[in-house]
Amino acid sequence: MSSKVYCIAEFLPKAGQEQALFEVLRSLEPQTLREDGCIQYRVTRQVASSFAEGTGFPIVFNEIWASMADFELHCQKDYIVDFFQNYCLAEDGLAKDWNVRVFSDE
């Protein structure tokens, strides 16, 4: 039985802010990868393919955590809380919308 948690965190940038938001998100990777329980933490961008024409937010974090406790501890880290406060919730933030979901492989 696996205790791994898979997180998909999607971001919709405000107009003209995709590159800036992508860079801010990418800057979170090194510190997060050093956290206990972090198996994978990679920010990605949607690319065009005739074999994958689905819709959604264009910037996506693909995360794997050893446990739900590790994921939840990550979410409470000061730098993650600061990111959401400054770039998502703030009026002048870079994100128009976001969607964070977690999954199990069981």
C-alpha atoms as a PDB file:
ATOM      1  CA  MET A   1       0.000   0.000   0.000  1.00  0.00           C
ATOM      2  CA  SER A   2       1.451   3.361  -1.036  1.00  0.00           C
ATOM      3  CA  SER A   3       1.304   6.448   1.129  1.00  0.00           C
ATOM      4  CA  LYS A   4       2.496   8.702  -1.690  1.00  0.00           C
ATOM      5  CA  VAL A   5       0.518  11.831  -2.499  1.00  0.00           C
ATOM      6  CA  TYR A   6       0.437  13.285  -6.012  1.00  0.00           C
ATOM      7  CA  CYS A   7      -0.347  16.972  -6.280  1.00  0.00           C
ATOM      8  CA  ILE A   8      -1.348  18.854  -9.408  1.00  0.00           C
ATOM      9  CA  ALA A   9      -1.226  22.616  -8.881  1.00  0.00           C
ATOM     10  CA  GLU A  10      -2.481  24.577 -11.893  1.00  0.00           C
ATOM     11  CA  PHE A  11      -2.072  28.316 -12.437  1.00  0.00           C
ATOM     12  CA  LEU A  12      -3.743  30.745 -14.825  1.00  0.00           C
ATOM     13  CA  PRO A  13      -1.586  33.868 -15.172  1.00  0.00           C
ATOM     14  CA  LYS A  14      -3.030  37.325 -15.579  1.00  0.00           C
ATOM     15  CA  ALA A  15      -2.740  38.764 -19.089  1.00  0.00           C
ATOM     16  CA  GLY A  16       0.889  39.285 -20.051  1.00  0.00           C
ATOM     17  CA  GLN A  17       2.204  37.639 -16.872  1.00  0.00           C
ATOM     18  CA  GLU A  18       2.804  34.028 -17.961  1.00  0.00           C
ATOM     19  CA  GLN A  19       6.602  34.239 -18.138  1.00  0.00           C
ATOM     20  CA  ALA A  20       6.870  36.187 -14.871  1.00  0.00           C
ATOM     21  CA  LEU A  21       4.615  33.719 -13.029  1.00  0.00           C
ATOM     22  CA  PHE A  22       6.490  30.749 -14.496  1.00  0.00           C
ATOM     23  CA  GLU A  23       9.809  32.187 -13.264  1.00  0.00           C
ATOM     24  CA  VAL A  24       8.452  32.811  -9.760  1.00  0.00           C
ATOM     25  CA  LEU A  25       7.101  29.262  -9.612  1.00  0.00           C
ATOM     26  CA  ARG A  26      10.385  27.857 -10.902  1.00  0.00           C
ATOM     27  CA  SER A  27      12.207  29.717  -8.126  1.00  0.00           C
ATOM     28  CA  LEU A  28      10.287  27.585  -5.583  1.00  0.00           C
ATOM     29  CA  GLU A  29      11.765  24.326  -6.888  1.00  0.00           C
ATOM     30  CA  PRO A  30      15.235  24.258  -5.250  1.00  0.00           C
ATOM     31  CA  GLN A  31      14.024  24.891  -1.702  1.00  0.00           C
ATOM     32  CA  THR A  32      11.086  22.524  -2.036  1.00  0.00           C
ATOM     33  CA  LEU A  33      13.253  19.717  -3.414  1.00  0.00           C
ATOM     34  CA  ARG A  34      15.289  19.894  -0.182  1.00  0.00           C
ATOM     35  CA  GLU A  35      12.199  19.326   1.992  1.00  0.00           C
ATOM     36  CA  ASP A  36      11.751  15.999   3.751  1.00  0.00           C
ATOM     37  CA  GLY A  37       9.305  13.842   1.847  1.00  0.00           C
ATOM     38  CA  CYS A  38       9.585  15.679  -1.470  1.00  0.00           C
ATOM     39  CA  ILE A  39      10.048  13.116  -4.235  1.00  0.00           C
ATOM     40  CA  GLN A  40       9.276  15.341  -7.229  1.00  0.00           C
ATOM     41  CA  TYR A  41       8.461  19.025  -7.632  1.00  0.00           C
ATOM     42  CA  ARG A  42       8.505  20.285 -11.212  1.00  0.00           C
ATOM     43  CA  VAL A  43       6.781  23.276 -12.762  1.00  0.00           C
ATOM     44  CA  THR A  44       5.739  22.745 -16.383  1.00  0.00           C
ATOM     45  CA  ARG A  45       4.032  24.634 -19.186  1.00  0.00           C
ATOM     46  CA  GLN A  46       1.457  23.338 -21.607  1.00  0.00           C
ATOM     47  CA  VAL A  47       2.766  22.703 -25.114  1.00  0.00           C
ATOM     48  CA  ALA A  48       0.805  22.170 -28.317  1.00  0.00           C
ATOM     49  CA  SER A  49       0.207  18.622 -29.528  1.00  0.00           C
ATOM     50  CA  SER A  50      -2.465  17.261 -31.826  1.00  0.00           C
ATOM     51  CA  PHE A  51      -2.513  14.171 -29.566  1.00  0.00           C
ATOM     52  CA  ALA A  52      -3.308  16.160 -26.407  1.00  0.00           C
ATOM     53  CA  GLU A  53      -5.788  18.921 -27.175  1.00  0.00           C
ATOM     54  CA  GLY A  54      -7.368  19.239 -23.726  1.00  0.00           C
ATOM     55  CA  THR A  55      -7.909  22.551 -22.016  1.00  0.00           C
ATOM     56  CA  GLY A  56      -6.844  23.818 -18.623  1.00  0.00           C
ATOM     57  CA  PHE A  57      -4.523  26.273 -16.970  1.00  0.00           C
ATOM     58  CA  PRO A  58      -1.226  26.680 -18.878  1.00  0.00           C
ATOM     59  CA  ILE A  59       1.205  26.337 -15.934  1.00  0.00           C
ATOM     60  CA  VAL A  60       1.162  23.163 -13.843  1.00  0.00           C
ATOM     61  CA  PHE A  61       3.223  21.877 -10.930  1.00  0.00           C
ATOM     62  CA  ASN A  62       3.608  18.098 -10.854  1.00  0.00           C
ATOM     63  CA  GLU A  63       4.441  17.079  -7.308  1.00  0.00           C
ATOM     64  CA  ILE A  64       5.000  13.762  -5.563  1.00  0.00           C
ATOM     65  CA  TRP A  65       5.211  13.604  -1.774  1.00  0.00           C
ATOM     66  CA  ALA A  66       6.082  10.612   0.415  1.00  0.00           C
ATOM     67  CA  SER A  67       2.976  11.176   2.547  1.00  0.00           C
ATOM     68  CA  MET A  68       0.033  13.485   3.113  1.00  0.00           C
ATOM     69  CA  ALA A  69       1.797  14.782   6.231  1.00  0.00           C
ATOM     70  CA  ASP A  70       4.817  15.807   4.128  1.00  0.00           C
ATOM     71  CA  PHE A  71       2.573  17.553   1.595  1.00  0.00           C
ATOM     72  CA  GLU A  72       0.628  19.394   4.287  1.00  0.00           C
ATOM     73  CA  LEU A  73       3.829  20.494   6.029  1.00  0.00           C
ATOM     74  CA  HIS A  74       5.081  21.857   2.693  1.00  0.00           C
ATOM     75  CA  CYS A  75       1.860  23.851   2.261  1.00  0.00           C
ATOM     76  CA  GLN A  76       2.490  25.555   5.601  1.00  0.00           C
ATOM     77  CA  LYS A  77       6.096  26.584   4.897  1.00  0.00           C
ATOM     78  CA  ASP A  78       6.561  30.351   5.101  1.00  0.00           C
ATOM     79  CA  TYR A  79       7.819  30.652   1.535  1.00  0.00           C
ATOM     80  CA  ILE A  80       4.801  28.779   0.139  1.00  0.00           C
ATOM     81  CA  VAL A  81       2.334  30.810   2.215  1.00  0.00           C
ATOM     82  CA  ASP A  82       4.144  33.968   1.059  1.00  0.00           C
ATOM     83  CA  PHE A  83       3.900  32.861  -2.577  1.00  0.00           C
ATOM     84  CA  PHE A  84       0.128  32.448  -2.388  1.00  0.00           C
ATOM     85  CA  GLN A  85      -0.306  35.712  -0.477  1.00  0.00           C
ATOM     86  CA  ASN A  86       1.864  37.777  -2.843  1.00  0.00           C
ATOM     87  CA  TYR A  87       1.225  36.199  -6.238  1.00  0.00           C
ATOM     88  CA  CYS A  88      -2.255  34.654  -6.013  1.00  0.00           C
ATOM     89  CA  LEU A  89      -4.330  36.460  -3.398  1.00  0.00           C
ATOM     90  CA  ALA A  90      -2.881  39.962  -3.763  1.00  0.00           C
ATOM     91  CA  GLU A  91      -4.699  42.356  -6.109  1.00  0.00           C
ATOM     92  CA  ASP A  92      -1.445  42.993  -7.980  1.00  0.00           C
ATOM     93  CA  GLY A  93      -0.449  39.306  -8.001  1.00  0.00           C
ATOM     94  CA  LEU A  94       0.526  37.472 -11.177  1.00  0.00           C
ATOM     95  CA  ALA A  95      -2.076  34.666 -11.008  1.00  0.00           C
ATOM     96  CA  LYS A  96      -5.654  35.207 -12.136  1.00  0.00           C
ATOM     97  CA  ASP A  97      -6.739  31.782 -10.872  1.00  0.00           C
ATOM     98  CA  TRP A  98      -5.288  28.549  -9.522  1.00  0.00           C
ATOM     99  CA  ASN A  99      -6.414  25.040  -8.685  1.00  0.00           C
ATOM    100  CA  VAL A 100      -4.541  22.684  -6.343  1.00  0.00           C
ATOM    101  CA  ARG A 101      -5.609  19.031  -6.056  1.00  0.00           C
ATOM    102  CA  VAL A 102      -4.079  15.917  -4.485  1.00  0.00           C
ATOM    103  CA  PHE A 103      -4.382  12.307  -5.568  1.00  0.00           C
ATOM    104  CA  SER A 104      -3.502   8.815  -4.380  1.00  0.00           C
ATOM    105  CA  ASP A 105      -2.324   5.846  -6.442  1.00  0.00           C
ATOM    106  CA  GLU A 106      -4.584   3.485  -4.491  1.00  0.00           C
END
